[in-house]
Amino acid sequence: MAPAASSQFDEAALQRRMSMMGSSGWTGLVRNLRVFGIASFACIGGLLYGYNQGVFSGLLTMTSFGNREHT
């Protein structure tokens, strides 16, 4: 099926969205403090989650943990 021809309203809406979009990539991330804060918070959360997994994986392989009686 052939793509439909765009109307003048579609072009105007596209131009408006493009003008509102602003910068993208690293420039857009640094200029928008809200997005930068959310991204930073998510990165710190991922880092802490990975660190936690590493600590617990080391704990589960300890011989004292395996020898302990579970009540």
C-alpha atoms as a PDB file:
ATOM      1  CA  MET A   1       0.000   0.000   0.000  1.00  0.00           C
ATOM      2  CA  ALA A   2       1.417   3.369  -0.981  1.00  0.00           C
ATOM      3  CA  PRO A   3       1.949   5.993   1.720  1.00  0.00           C
ATOM      4  CA  ALA A   4      -0.694   8.681   1.858  1.00  0.00           C
ATOM      5  CA  ALA A   5       0.254  12.185   0.788  1.00  0.00           C
ATOM      6  CA  SER A   6       0.787  14.495   3.736  1.00  0.00           C
ATOM      7  CA  SER A   7      -1.400  17.528   4.070  1.00  0.00           C
ATOM      8  CA  GLN A   8      -0.406  21.049   4.995  1.00  0.00           C
ATOM      9  CA  PHE A   9      -1.683  20.385   8.520  1.00  0.00           C
ATOM     10  CA  ASP A  10       0.656  17.413   8.903  1.00  0.00           C
ATOM     11  CA  GLU A  11       3.597  19.500   7.768  1.00  0.00           C
ATOM     12  CA  ALA A  12       2.680  22.336  10.145  1.00  0.00           C
ATOM     13  CA  ALA A  13       2.345  19.901  13.060  1.00  0.00           C
ATOM     14  CA  LEU A  14       5.691  18.320  12.199  1.00  0.00           C
ATOM     15  CA  GLN A  15       7.411  21.711  12.063  1.00  0.00           C
ATOM     16  CA  ARG A  16       5.900  22.671  15.430  1.00  0.00           C
ATOM     17  CA  ARG A  17       7.069  19.436  17.053  1.00  0.00           C
ATOM     18  CA  MET A  18      10.546  19.861  15.582  1.00  0.00           C
ATOM     19  CA  SER A  19      10.799  23.415  16.952  1.00  0.00           C
ATOM     20  CA  MET A  20       9.666  22.290  20.431  1.00  0.00           C
ATOM     21  CA  MET A  21      11.980  19.280  20.526  1.00  0.00           C
ATOM     22  CA  GLY A  22      15.225  21.098  21.268  1.00  0.00           C
ATOM     23  CA  SER A  23      18.623  19.442  21.369  1.00  0.00           C
ATOM     24  CA  SER A  24      19.110  15.705  21.477  1.00  0.00           C
ATOM     25  CA  GLY A  25      21.921  13.472  22.685  1.00  0.00           C
ATOM     26  CA  TRP A  26      24.354  14.579  25.385  1.00  0.00           C
ATOM     27  CA  THR A  27      23.618  18.265  24.780  1.00  0.00           C
ATOM     28  CA  GLY A  28      19.907  17.776  25.396  1.00  0.00           C
ATOM     29  CA  LEU A  29      20.578  15.669  28.477  1.00  0.00           C
ATOM     30  CA  VAL A  30      22.821  18.233  30.128  1.00  0.00           C
ATOM     31  CA  ARG A  31      20.587  21.208  29.275  1.00  0.00           C
ATOM     32  CA  ASN A  32      17.423  19.607  30.677  1.00  0.00           C
ATOM     33  CA  LEU A  33      18.048  19.307  34.415  1.00  0.00           C
ATOM     34  CA  ARG A  34      14.963  17.203  35.093  1.00  0.00           C
ATOM     35  CA  VAL A  35      15.973  14.538  32.581  1.00  0.00           C
ATOM     36  CA  PHE A  36      19.572  14.723  33.813  1.00  0.00           C
ATOM     37  CA  GLY A  37      18.426  14.139  37.403  1.00  0.00           C
ATOM     38  CA  ILE A  38      16.241  11.182  36.461  1.00  0.00           C
ATOM     39  CA  ALA A  39      19.044   9.624  34.392  1.00  0.00           C
ATOM     40  CA  SER A  40      21.563  10.153  37.207  1.00  0.00           C
ATOM     41  CA  PHE A  41      19.232   8.603  39.763  1.00  0.00           C
ATOM     42  CA  ALA A  42      18.649   5.574  37.507  1.00  0.00           C
ATOM     43  CA  CYS A  43      22.410   5.155  36.960  1.00  0.00           C
ATOM     44  CA  ILE A  44      23.131   5.257  40.685  1.00  0.00           C
ATOM     45  CA  GLY A  45      20.344   2.738  41.309  1.00  0.00           C
ATOM     46  CA  GLY A  46      21.802   0.360  38.719  1.00  0.00           C
ATOM     47  CA  LEU A  47      25.264   0.723  40.210  1.00  0.00           C
ATOM     48  CA  LEU A  48      24.038  -0.034  43.732  1.00  0.00           C
ATOM     49  CA  TYR A  49      21.985  -2.994  42.525  1.00  0.00           C
ATOM     50  CA  GLY A  50      25.019  -4.499  40.781  1.00  0.00           C
ATOM     51  CA  TYR A  51      27.206  -3.936  43.830  1.00  0.00           C
ATOM     52  CA  ASN A  52      24.584  -5.596  46.033  1.00  0.00           C
ATOM     53  CA  GLN A  53      24.443  -8.633  43.737  1.00  0.00           C
ATOM     54  CA  GLY A  54      28.224  -8.934  43.849  1.00  0.00           C
ATOM     55  CA  VAL A  55      28.308  -8.808  47.642  1.00  0.00           C
ATOM     56  CA  PHE A  56      25.579 -11.433  48.038  1.00  0.00           C
ATOM     57  CA  SER A  57      27.138 -13.765  45.479  1.00  0.00           C
ATOM     58  CA  GLY A  58      30.341 -13.722  47.512  1.00  0.00           C
ATOM     59  CA  LEU A  59      28.432 -14.377  50.727  1.00  0.00           C
ATOM     60  CA  LEU A  60      26.610 -17.414  49.353  1.00  0.00           C
ATOM     61  CA  THR A  61      29.895 -19.121  48.424  1.00  0.00           C
ATOM     62  CA  MET A  62      31.419 -18.790  51.920  1.00  0.00           C
ATOM     63  CA  THR A  63      31.941 -22.109  53.689  1.00  0.00           C
ATOM     64  CA  SER A  64      30.669 -20.685  56.995  1.00  0.00           C
ATOM     65  CA  PHE A  65      27.376 -19.785  55.323  1.00  0.00           C
ATOM     66  CA  GLY A  66      27.014 -23.308  53.942  1.00  0.00           C
ATOM     67  CA  ASN A  67      27.875 -24.967  57.271  1.00  0.00           C
ATOM     68  CA  ARG A  68      25.422 -22.917  59.317  1.00  0.00           C
ATOM     69  CA  GLU A  69      22.298 -24.698  60.504  1.00  0.00           C
ATOM     70  CA  HIS A  70      19.050 -23.151  59.399  1.00  0.00           C
ATOM     71  CA  THR A  71      16.332 -23.115  62.027  1.00  0.00           C
END
